[in-house]
PDB file of all heavy atoms in Angstrom:
ATOM      1  N   ASP A   1     -22.031   7.444   4.910  1.00  0.00           N
ATOM      2  CA  ASP A   1     -22.897   6.692   5.819  1.00  0.00           C
ATOM      3  C   ASP A   1     -22.378   5.265   5.927  1.00  0.00           C
ATOM      4  O   ASP A   1     -22.440   4.490   4.971  1.00  0.00           O
ATOM      5  CB  ASP A   1     -24.330   6.702   5.286  1.00  0.00           C
ATOM      6  CG  ASP A   1     -25.303   5.971   6.195  1.00  0.00           C
ATOM      7  OD1 ASP A   1     -24.879   5.516   7.277  1.00  0.00           O
ATOM      8  OD2 ASP A   1     -26.485   5.856   5.810  1.00  0.00           O
ATOM      9  N   PHE A   2     -21.872   4.907   7.106  1.00  0.00           N
ATOM     10  CA  PHE A   2     -21.304   3.572   7.286  1.00  0.00           C
ATOM     11  C   PHE A   2     -22.341   2.465   7.121  1.00  0.00           C
ATOM     12  O   PHE A   2     -21.977   1.315   6.874  1.00  0.00           O
ATOM     13  CB  PHE A   2     -20.624   3.471   8.653  1.00  0.00           C
ATOM     14  CG  PHE A   2     -19.379   4.306   8.774  1.00  0.00           C
ATOM     15  CD1 PHE A   2     -19.383   5.484   9.509  1.00  0.00           C
ATOM     16  CD2 PHE A   2     -18.206   3.919   8.156  1.00  0.00           C
ATOM     17  CE1 PHE A   2     -18.231   6.256   9.620  1.00  0.00           C
ATOM     18  CE2 PHE A   2     -17.043   4.688   8.255  1.00  0.00           C
ATOM     19  CZ  PHE A   2     -17.066   5.863   8.989  1.00  0.00           C
ATOM     20  N   ALA A   3     -23.612   2.780   7.239  1.00  0.00           N
ATOM     21  CA  ALA A   3     -24.662   1.781   7.067  1.00  0.00           C
ATOM     22  C   ALA A   3     -25.106   1.642   5.615  1.00  0.00           C
ATOM     23  O   ALA A   3     -25.983   0.836   5.308  1.00  0.00           O
ATOM     24  CB  ALA A   3     -25.868   2.129   7.938  1.00  0.00           C
ATOM     25  N   ALA A   4     -24.498   2.393   4.695  1.00  0.00           N
ATOM     26  CA  ALA A   4     -24.894   2.352   3.289  1.00  0.00           C
ATOM     27  C   ALA A   4     -24.659   0.969   2.693  1.00  0.00           C
ATOM     28  O   ALA A   4     -23.787   0.220   3.149  1.00  0.00           O
ATOM     29  CB  ALA A   4     -24.128   3.408   2.498  1.00  0.00           C
ATOM     30  N   THR A   5     -25.391   0.661   1.655  1.00  0.00           N
ATOM     31  CA  THR A   5     -25.230  -0.628   0.985  1.00  0.00           C
ATOM     32  C   THR A   5     -24.359  -0.525  -0.264  1.00  0.00           C
ATOM     33  O   THR A   5     -24.139  -1.530  -0.943  1.00  0.00           O
ATOM     34  CB  THR A   5     -26.596  -1.213   0.600  1.00  0.00           C
ATOM     35  OG1 THR A   5     -27.297  -0.284  -0.226  1.00  0.00           O
ATOM     36  CG2 THR A   5     -27.413  -1.515   1.840  1.00  0.00           C
ATOM     37  N   LYS A   6     -23.863   0.682  -0.555  1.00  0.00           N
ATOM     38  CA  LYS A   6     -22.946   0.868  -1.677  1.00  0.00           C
ATOM     39  C   LYS A   6     -21.871   1.871  -1.278  1.00  0.00           C
ATOM     40  O   LYS A   6     -22.034   2.646  -0.338  1.00  0.00           O
ATOM     41  CB  LYS A   6     -23.688   1.359  -2.920  1.00  0.00           C
ATOM     42  CG  LYS A   6     -24.633   0.329  -3.517  1.00  0.00           C
ATOM     43  CD  LYS A   6     -25.260   0.832  -4.817  1.00  0.00           C
ATOM     44  CE  LYS A   6     -26.172  -0.227  -5.412  1.00  0.00           C
ATOM     45  NZ  LYS A   6     -26.799   0.228  -6.688  1.00  0.00           N
ATOM     46  N   GLY A   7     -20.771   1.856  -2.019  1.00  0.00           N
ATOM     47  CA  GLY A   7     -19.697   2.792  -1.774  1.00  0.00           C
ATOM     48  C   GLY A   7     -18.676   2.725  -2.881  1.00  0.00           C
ATOM     49  O   GLY A   7     -18.902   2.111  -3.923  1.00  0.00           O
ATOM     50  N   LYS A   8     -17.536   3.363  -2.656  1.00  0.00           N
ATOM     51  CA  LYS A   8     -16.419   3.347  -3.592  1.00  0.00           C
ATOM     52  C   LYS A   8     -15.195   2.784  -2.889  1.00  0.00           C
ATOM     53  O   LYS A   8     -15.007   2.987  -1.690  1.00  0.00           O
ATOM     54  CB  LYS A   8     -16.111   4.762  -4.090  1.00  0.00           C
ATOM     55  CG  LYS A   8     -17.250   5.423  -4.860  1.00  0.00           C
ATOM     56  CD  LYS A   8     -17.489   4.742  -6.205  1.00  0.00           C
ATOM     57  CE  LYS A   8     -18.561   5.465  -7.010  1.00  0.00           C
ATOM     58  NZ  LYS A   8     -18.835   4.777  -8.296  1.00  0.00           N
ATOM     59  N   TRP A   9     -14.379   2.075  -3.664  1.00  0.00           N
ATOM     60  CA  TRP A   9     -13.144   1.573  -3.090  1.00  0.00           C
ATOM     61  C   TRP A   9     -11.957   2.096  -3.871  1.00  0.00           C
ATOM     62  O   TRP A   9     -12.058   2.399  -5.065  1.00  0.00           O
ATOM     63  CB  TRP A   9     -13.114   0.047  -3.052  1.00  0.00           C
ATOM     64  CG  TRP A   9     -13.087  -0.633  -4.405  1.00  0.00           C
ATOM     65  CD1 TRP A   9     -14.155  -0.998  -5.165  1.00  0.00           C
ATOM     66  CD2 TRP A   9     -11.926  -1.027  -5.137  1.00  0.00           C
ATOM     67  NE1 TRP A   9     -13.740  -1.594  -6.323  1.00  0.00           N
ATOM     68  CE2 TRP A   9     -12.369  -1.625  -6.343  1.00  0.00           C
ATOM     69  CE3 TRP A   9     -10.554  -0.928  -4.902  1.00  0.00           C
ATOM     70  CZ2 TRP A   9     -11.490  -2.123  -7.299  1.00  0.00           C
ATOM     71  CZ3 TRP A   9      -9.675  -1.426  -5.861  1.00  0.00           C
ATOM     72  CH2 TRP A   9     -10.150  -2.026  -7.035  1.00  0.00           C
ATOM     73  N   GLU A  10     -10.847   2.231  -3.190  1.00  0.00           N
ATOM     74  CA  GLU A  10      -9.608   2.692  -3.801  1.00  0.00           C
ATOM     75  C   GLU A  10      -8.449   1.944  -3.179  1.00  0.00           C
ATOM     76  O   GLU A  10      -8.490   1.537  -2.022  1.00  0.00           O
ATOM     77  CB  GLU A  10      -9.457   4.208  -3.594  1.00  0.00           C
ATOM     78  CG  GLU A  10      -8.308   4.834  -4.364  1.00  0.00           C
ATOM     79  CD  GLU A  10      -8.400   4.565  -5.846  1.00  0.00           C
ATOM     80  OE1 GLU A  10      -9.082   5.301  -6.569  1.00  0.00           O
ATOM     81  OE2 GLU A  10      -7.765   3.565  -6.276  1.00  0.00           O
ATOM     82  N   VAL A  11      -7.401   1.757  -3.950  1.00  0.00           N
ATOM     83  CA  VAL A  11      -6.193   1.134  -3.451  1.00  0.00           C
ATOM     84  C   VAL A  11      -5.380   2.169  -2.687  1.00  0.00           C
ATOM     85  O   VAL A  11      -5.153   3.264  -3.182  1.00  0.00           O
ATOM     86  CB  VAL A  11      -5.374   0.563  -4.620  1.00  0.00           C
ATOM     87  CG1 VAL A  11      -3.978   0.156  -4.172  1.00  0.00           C
ATOM     88  CG2 VAL A  11      -6.107  -0.609  -5.233  1.00  0.00           C
ATOM     89  N   LEU A  12      -4.952   1.819  -1.489  1.00  0.00           N
ATOM     90  CA  LEU A  12      -4.109   2.703  -0.700  1.00  0.00           C
ATOM     91  C   LEU A  12      -2.644   2.331  -0.821  1.00  0.00           C
ATOM     92  O   LEU A  12      -1.790   3.186  -1.047  1.00  0.00           O
ATOM     93  CB  LEU A  12      -4.534   2.673   0.766  1.00  0.00           C
ATOM     94  CG  LEU A  12      -3.636   3.436   1.740  1.00  0.00           C
ATOM     95  CD1 LEU A  12      -3.634   4.917   1.427  1.00  0.00           C
ATOM     96  CD2 LEU A  12      -4.069   3.191   3.178  1.00  0.00           C
ATOM     97  N   LEU A  13      -2.343   1.039  -0.674  1.00  0.00           N
ATOM     98  CA  LEU A  13      -0.943   0.651  -0.558  1.00  0.00           C
ATOM     99  C   LEU A  13      -0.760  -0.807  -0.937  1.00  0.00           C
ATOM    100  O   LEU A  13      -1.542  -1.672  -0.549  1.00  0.00           O
ATOM    101  CB  LEU A  13      -0.489   0.873   0.884  1.00  0.00           C
ATOM    102  CG  LEU A  13       0.989   0.741   1.197  1.00  0.00           C
ATOM    103  CD1 LEU A  13       1.801   1.790   0.451  1.00  0.00           C
ATOM    104  CD2 LEU A  13       1.212   0.892   2.696  1.00  0.00           C
ATOM    105  N   LYS A  14       0.271  -1.086  -1.709  1.00  0.00           N
ATOM    106  CA  LYS A  14       0.725  -2.442  -1.981  1.00  0.00           C
ATOM    107  C   LYS A  14       2.038  -2.642  -1.236  1.00  0.00           C
ATOM    108  O   LYS A  14       2.958  -1.827  -1.353  1.00  0.00           O
ATOM    109  CB  LYS A  14       0.902  -2.657  -3.478  1.00  0.00           C
ATOM    110  CG  LYS A  14       1.360  -4.052  -3.836  1.00  0.00           C
ATOM    111  CD  LYS A  14       1.092  -4.418  -5.295  1.00  0.00           C
ATOM    112  CE  LYS A  14       1.675  -3.433  -6.258  1.00  0.00           C
ATOM    113  NZ  LYS A  14       1.529  -3.906  -7.657  1.00  0.00           N
ATOM    114  N   CYS A  15       2.144  -3.724  -0.485  1.00  0.00           N
ATOM    115  CA  CYS A  15       3.233  -3.883   0.481  1.00  0.00           C
ATOM    116  C   CYS A  15       4.406  -4.666  -0.095  1.00  0.00           C
ATOM    117  O   CYS A  15       4.294  -5.341  -1.111  1.00  0.00           O
ATOM    118  CB  CYS A  15       2.709  -4.562   1.735  1.00  0.00           C
ATOM    119  SG  CYS A  15       1.315  -3.692   2.480  1.00  0.00           S
ATOM    120  N   GLY A  16       5.534  -4.583   0.603  1.00  0.00           N
ATOM    121  CA  GLY A  16       6.749  -5.258   0.188  1.00  0.00           C
ATOM    122  C   GLY A  16       7.879  -4.265   0.005  1.00  0.00           C
ATOM    123  O   GLY A  16       7.709  -3.052   0.172  1.00  0.00           O
ATOM    124  N   ASP A  17       9.038  -4.778  -0.350  1.00  0.00           N
ATOM    125  CA  ASP A  17      10.239  -3.956  -0.485  1.00  0.00           C
ATOM    126  C   ASP A  17      10.204  -3.185  -1.803  1.00  0.00           C
ATOM    127  O   ASP A  17      10.316  -3.772  -2.875  1.00  0.00           O
ATOM    128  CB  ASP A  17      11.473  -4.863  -0.437  1.00  0.00           C
ATOM    129  CG  ASP A  17      12.782  -4.088  -0.420  1.00  0.00           C
ATOM    130  OD1 ASP A  17      12.754  -2.867  -0.644  1.00  0.00           O
ATOM    131  OD2 ASP A  17      13.828  -4.717  -0.179  1.00  0.00           O
ATOM    132  N   PRO A  18      10.066  -1.858  -1.756  1.00  0.00           N
ATOM    133  CA  PRO A  18       9.981  -1.089  -3.001  1.00  0.00           C
ATOM    134  C   PRO A  18      11.285  -1.032  -3.776  1.00  0.00           C
ATOM    135  O   PRO A  18      11.286  -0.635  -4.941  1.00  0.00           O
ATOM    136  CB  PRO A  18       9.561   0.307  -2.521  1.00  0.00           C
ATOM    137  CG  PRO A  18      10.002   0.382  -1.110  1.00  0.00           C
ATOM    138  CD  PRO A  18       9.917  -1.001  -0.567  1.00  0.00           C
ATOM    139  N   SER A  19      12.401  -1.438  -3.162  1.00  0.00           N
ATOM    140  CA  SER A  19      13.676  -1.424  -3.879  1.00  0.00           C
ATOM    141  C   SER A  19      13.824  -2.617  -4.810  1.00  0.00           C
ATOM    142  O   SER A  19      14.751  -2.654  -5.629  1.00  0.00           O
ATOM    143  CB  SER A  19      14.842  -1.396  -2.888  1.00  0.00           C
ATOM    144  OG  SER A  19      14.972  -2.638  -2.213  1.00  0.00           O
ATOM    145  N   VAL A  20      12.942  -3.593  -4.689  1.00  0.00           N
ATOM    146  CA  VAL A  20      12.961  -4.769  -5.558  1.00  0.00           C
ATOM    147  C   VAL A  20      11.864  -4.596  -6.596  1.00  0.00           C
ATOM    148  O   VAL A  20      10.675  -4.684  -6.284  1.00  0.00           O
ATOM    149  CB  VAL A  20      12.748  -6.064  -4.749  1.00  0.00           C
ATOM    150  CG1 VAL A  20      12.785  -7.278  -5.671  1.00  0.00           C
ATOM    151  CG2 VAL A  20      13.800  -6.180  -3.648  1.00  0.00           C
ATOM    152  N   ALA A  21      12.250  -4.350  -7.831  1.00  0.00           N
ATOM    153  CA  ALA A  21      11.283  -3.981  -8.864  1.00  0.00           C
ATOM    154  C   ALA A  21      10.202  -5.035  -9.040  1.00  0.00           C
ATOM    155  O   ALA A  21       9.025  -4.709  -9.241  1.00  0.00           O
ATOM    156  CB  ALA A  21      12.006  -3.738 -10.188  1.00  0.00           C
ATOM    157  N   ASP A  22      10.567  -6.314  -8.958  1.00  0.00           N
ATOM    158  CA  ASP A  22       9.592  -7.373  -9.195  1.00  0.00           C
ATOM    159  C   ASP A  22       8.505  -7.434  -8.132  1.00  0.00           C
ATOM    160  O   ASP A  22       7.440  -8.001  -8.358  1.00  0.00           O
ATOM    161  CB  ASP A  22      10.302  -8.732  -9.262  1.00  0.00           C
ATOM    162  CG  ASP A  22      11.124  -8.899 -10.530  1.00  0.00           C
ATOM    163  OD1 ASP A  22      10.939  -8.090 -11.464  1.00  0.00           O
ATOM    164  OD2 ASP A  22      11.966  -9.823 -10.573  1.00  0.00           O
ATOM    165  N   VAL A  23       8.776  -6.869  -6.965  1.00  0.00           N
ATOM    166  CA  VAL A  23       7.775  -6.871  -5.895  1.00  0.00           C
ATOM    167  C   VAL A  23       6.623  -5.935  -6.239  1.00  0.00           C
ATOM    168  O   VAL A  23       5.464  -6.211  -5.935  1.00  0.00           O
ATOM    169  CB  VAL A  23       8.430  -6.478  -4.552  1.00  0.00           C
ATOM    170  CG1 VAL A  23       7.378  -6.222  -3.474  1.00  0.00           C
ATOM    171  CG2 VAL A  23       9.373  -7.583  -4.093  1.00  0.00           C
ATOM    172  N   GLY A  24       6.910  -4.802  -6.850  1.00  0.00           N
ATOM    173  CA  GLY A  24       5.861  -3.876  -7.263  1.00  0.00           C
ATOM    174  C   GLY A  24       5.173  -3.166  -6.126  1.00  0.00           C
ATOM    175  O   GLY A  24       3.991  -2.840  -6.209  1.00  0.00           O
ATOM    176  N   ALA A  25       5.904  -2.899  -5.026  1.00  0.00           N
ATOM    177  CA  ALA A  25       5.304  -2.191  -3.894  1.00  0.00           C
ATOM    178  C   ALA A  25       5.017  -0.740  -4.267  1.00  0.00           C
ATOM    179  O   ALA A  25       5.632  -0.179  -5.173  1.00  0.00           O
ATOM    180  CB  ALA A  25       6.233  -2.256  -2.689  1.00  0.00           C
ATOM    181  N   SER A  26       4.073  -0.119  -3.533  1.00  0.00           N
ATOM    182  CA  SER A  26       3.639   1.232  -3.897  1.00  0.00           C
ATOM    183  C   SER A  26       3.749   2.224  -2.742  1.00  0.00           C
ATOM    184  O   SER A  26       2.964   3.146  -2.639  1.00  0.00           O
ATOM    185  CB  SER A  26       2.204   1.202  -4.425  1.00  0.00           C
ATOM    186  OG  SER A  26       1.315   0.718  -3.438  1.00  0.00           O
ATOM    187  N   PHE A  27       4.731   2.035  -1.858  1.00  0.00           N
ATOM    188  CA  PHE A  27       4.994   3.047  -0.842  1.00  0.00           C
ATOM    189  C   PHE A  27       5.456   4.340  -1.519  1.00  0.00           C
ATOM    190  O   PHE A  27       6.023   4.320  -2.613  1.00  0.00           O
ATOM    191  CB  PHE A  27       6.085   2.576   0.123  1.00  0.00           C
ATOM    192  CG  PHE A  27       5.669   1.440   1.009  1.00  0.00           C
ATOM    193  CD1 PHE A  27       5.930   0.130   0.642  1.00  0.00           C
ATOM    194  CD2 PHE A  27       5.022   1.680   2.205  1.00  0.00           C
ATOM    195  CE1 PHE A  27       5.551  -0.931   1.455  1.00  0.00           C
ATOM    196  CE2 PHE A  27       4.641   0.633   3.029  1.00  0.00           C
ATOM    197  CZ  PHE A  27       4.902  -0.675   2.657  1.00  0.00           C
ATOM    198  N   SER A  28       5.241   5.468  -0.851  1.00  0.00           N
ATOM    199  CA  SER A  28       5.714   6.739  -1.396  1.00  0.00           C
ATOM    200  C   SER A  28       7.235   6.750  -1.443  1.00  0.00           C
ATOM    201  O   SER A  28       7.901   5.998  -0.719  1.00  0.00           O
ATOM    202  CB  SER A  28       5.215   7.905  -0.543  1.00  0.00           C
ATOM    203  OG  SER A  28       6.029   8.052   0.614  1.00  0.00           O
ATOM    204  N   THR A  29       7.786   7.638  -2.267  1.00  0.00           N
ATOM    205  CA  THR A  29       9.238   7.738  -2.367  1.00  0.00           C
ATOM    206  C   THR A  29       9.869   8.279  -1.093  1.00  0.00           C
ATOM    207  O   THR A  29      11.077   8.174  -0.904  1.00  0.00           O
ATOM    208  CB  THR A  29       9.629   8.633  -3.551  1.00  0.00           C
ATOM    209  OG1 THR A  29       9.002   9.918  -3.396  1.00  0.00           O
ATOM    210  CG2 THR A  29       9.198   8.014  -4.868  1.00  0.00           C
ATOM    211  N   ALA A  30       9.061   8.858  -0.202  1.00  0.00           N
ATOM    212  CA  ALA A  30       9.580   9.346   1.076  1.00  0.00           C
ATOM    213  C   ALA A  30       9.767   8.229   2.092  1.00  0.00           C
ATOM    214  O   ALA A  30      10.362   8.438   3.150  1.00  0.00           O
ATOM    215  CB  ALA A  30       8.638  10.408   1.651  1.00  0.00           C
ATOM    216  N   THR A  31       9.275   7.041   1.787  1.00  0.00           N
ATOM    217  CA  THR A  31       9.417   5.899   2.698  1.00  0.00           C
ATOM    218  C   THR A  31      10.854   5.391   2.635  1.00  0.00           C
ATOM    219  O   THR A  31      11.385   5.125   1.559  1.00  0.00           O
ATOM    220  CB  THR A  31       8.441   4.772   2.314  1.00  0.00           C
ATOM    221  OG1 THR A  31       7.108   5.274   2.396  1.00  0.00           O
ATOM    222  CG2 THR A  31       8.585   3.589   3.245  1.00  0.00           C
ATOM    223  N   THR A  32      11.479   5.240   3.792  1.00  0.00           N
ATOM    224  CA  THR A  32      12.880   4.822   3.849  1.00  0.00           C
ATOM    225  C   THR A  32      13.007   3.305   3.757  1.00  0.00           C
ATOM    226  O   THR A  32      12.014   2.573   3.737  1.00  0.00           O
ATOM    227  CB  THR A  32      13.521   5.279   5.164  1.00  0.00           C
ATOM    228  OG1 THR A  32      13.001   4.478   6.248  1.00  0.00           O
ATOM    229  CG2 THR A  32      13.253   6.760   5.430  1.00  0.00           C
ATOM    230  N   ALA A  33      14.252   2.842   3.771  1.00  0.00           N
ATOM    231  CA  ALA A  33      14.505   1.398   3.759  1.00  0.00           C
ATOM    232  C   ALA A  33      13.983   0.730   5.022  1.00  0.00           C
ATOM    233  O   ALA A  33      13.726  -0.481   5.030  1.00  0.00           O
ATOM    234  CB  ALA A  33      16.003   1.142   3.608  1.00  0.00           C
ATOM    235  N   ASN A  34      13.822   1.494   6.102  1.00  0.00           N
ATOM    236  CA  ASN A  34      13.248   0.951   7.334  1.00  0.00           C
ATOM    237  C   ASN A  34      11.726   1.005   7.327  1.00  0.00           C
ATOM    238  O   ASN A  34      11.076   0.293   8.090  1.00  0.00           O
ATOM    239  CB  ASN A  34      13.757   1.747   8.541  1.00  0.00           C
ATOM    240  CG  ASN A  34      15.252   1.661   8.704  1.00  0.00           C
ATOM    241  OD1 ASN A  34      15.827   0.578   8.695  1.00  0.00           O
ATOM    242  ND2 ASN A  34      15.907   2.810   8.850  1.00  0.00           N
ATOM    243  N   GLY A  35      11.161   1.845   6.485  1.00  0.00           N
ATOM    244  CA  GLY A  35       9.735   2.146   6.568  1.00  0.00           C
ATOM    245  C   GLY A  35       8.815   1.205   5.847  1.00  0.00           C
ATOM    246  O   GLY A  35       7.628   1.144   6.158  1.00  0.00           O
ATOM    247  N   TRP A  36       9.329   0.440   4.883  1.00  0.00           N
ATOM    248  CA  TRP A  36       8.419  -0.464   4.179  1.00  0.00           C
ATOM    249  C   TRP A  36       8.124  -1.694   5.033  1.00  0.00           C
ATOM    250  O   TRP A  36       8.883  -2.049   5.919  1.00  0.00           O
ATOM    251  CB  TRP A  36       8.991  -0.867   2.822  1.00  0.00           C
ATOM    252  CG  TRP A  36      10.215  -1.752   2.871  1.00  0.00           C
ATOM    253  CD1 TRP A  36      11.518  -1.357   2.797  1.00  0.00           C
ATOM    254  CD2 TRP A  36      10.248  -3.181   2.995  1.00  0.00           C
ATOM    255  NE1 TRP A  36      12.363  -2.429   2.874  1.00  0.00           N
ATOM    256  CE2 TRP A  36      11.610  -3.577   2.988  1.00  0.00           C
ATOM    257  CE3 TRP A  36       9.280  -4.172   3.107  1.00  0.00           C
ATOM    258  CZ2 TRP A  36      12.016  -4.904   3.085  1.00  0.00           C
ATOM    259  CZ3 TRP A  36       9.675  -5.503   3.212  1.00  0.00           C
ATOM    260  CH2 TRP A  36      11.025  -5.848   3.203  1.00  0.00           C
ATOM    261  N   PHE A  37       7.029  -2.358   4.755  1.00  0.00           N
ATOM    262  CA  PHE A  37       6.651  -3.567   5.484  1.00  0.00           C
ATOM    263  C   PHE A  37       5.874  -4.496   4.567  1.00  0.00           C
ATOM    264  O   PHE A  37       5.407  -4.111   3.490  1.00  0.00           O
ATOM    265  CB  PHE A  37       5.822  -3.245   6.728  1.00  0.00           C
ATOM    266  CG  PHE A  37       4.547  -2.492   6.443  1.00  0.00           C
ATOM    267  CD1 PHE A  37       3.384  -3.157   6.080  1.00  0.00           C
ATOM    268  CD2 PHE A  37       4.509  -1.104   6.539  1.00  0.00           C
ATOM    269  CE1 PHE A  37       2.214  -2.467   5.812  1.00  0.00           C
ATOM    270  CE2 PHE A  37       3.347  -0.404   6.276  1.00  0.00           C
ATOM    271  CZ  PHE A  37       2.193  -1.081   5.913  1.00  0.00           C
ATOM    272  N   GLY A  38       5.736  -5.717   5.018  1.00  0.00           N
ATOM    273  CA  GLY A  38       4.905  -6.696   4.339  1.00  0.00           C
ATOM    274  C   GLY A  38       3.968  -7.352   5.319  1.00  0.00           C
ATOM    275  O   GLY A  38       4.118  -7.246   6.527  1.00  0.00           O
ATOM    276  N   MET A  39       2.967  -8.049   4.809  1.00  0.00           N
ATOM    277  CA  MET A  39       2.012  -8.826   5.594  1.00  0.00           C
ATOM    278  C   MET A  39       1.252  -8.002   6.630  1.00  0.00           C
ATOM    279  O   MET A  39       1.320  -8.265   7.830  1.00  0.00           O
ATOM    280  CB  MET A  39       2.694 -10.013   6.282  1.00  0.00           C
ATOM    281  CG  MET A  39       3.199 -11.082   5.328  1.00  0.00           C
ATOM    282  SD  MET A  39       4.610 -10.568   4.296  1.00  0.00           S
ATOM    283  CE  MET A  39       5.939 -10.619   5.470  1.00  0.00           C
ATOM    284  N   PRO A  40       0.544  -6.946   6.210  1.00  0.00           N
ATOM    285  CA  PRO A  40      -0.268  -6.181   7.163  1.00  0.00           C
ATOM    286  C   PRO A  40      -1.318  -7.068   7.807  1.00  0.00           C
ATOM    287  O   PRO A  40      -1.954  -7.878   7.126  1.00  0.00           O
ATOM    288  CB  PRO A  40      -0.902  -5.096   6.291  1.00  0.00           C
ATOM    289  CG  PRO A  40      -0.940  -5.696   4.924  1.00  0.00           C
ATOM    290  CD  PRO A  40       0.299  -6.536   4.817  1.00  0.00           C
TER     291      PRO A  40
END
């Protein structure tokens, strides 16, 4: 119910370049070098 006053939240995605370990992005491993993004 979108009008509810309570709900649950979950993390979907952390953005940035997943090839850089310090960034800590969480795209799936199927995401290519073209597929990642930042600043949604």
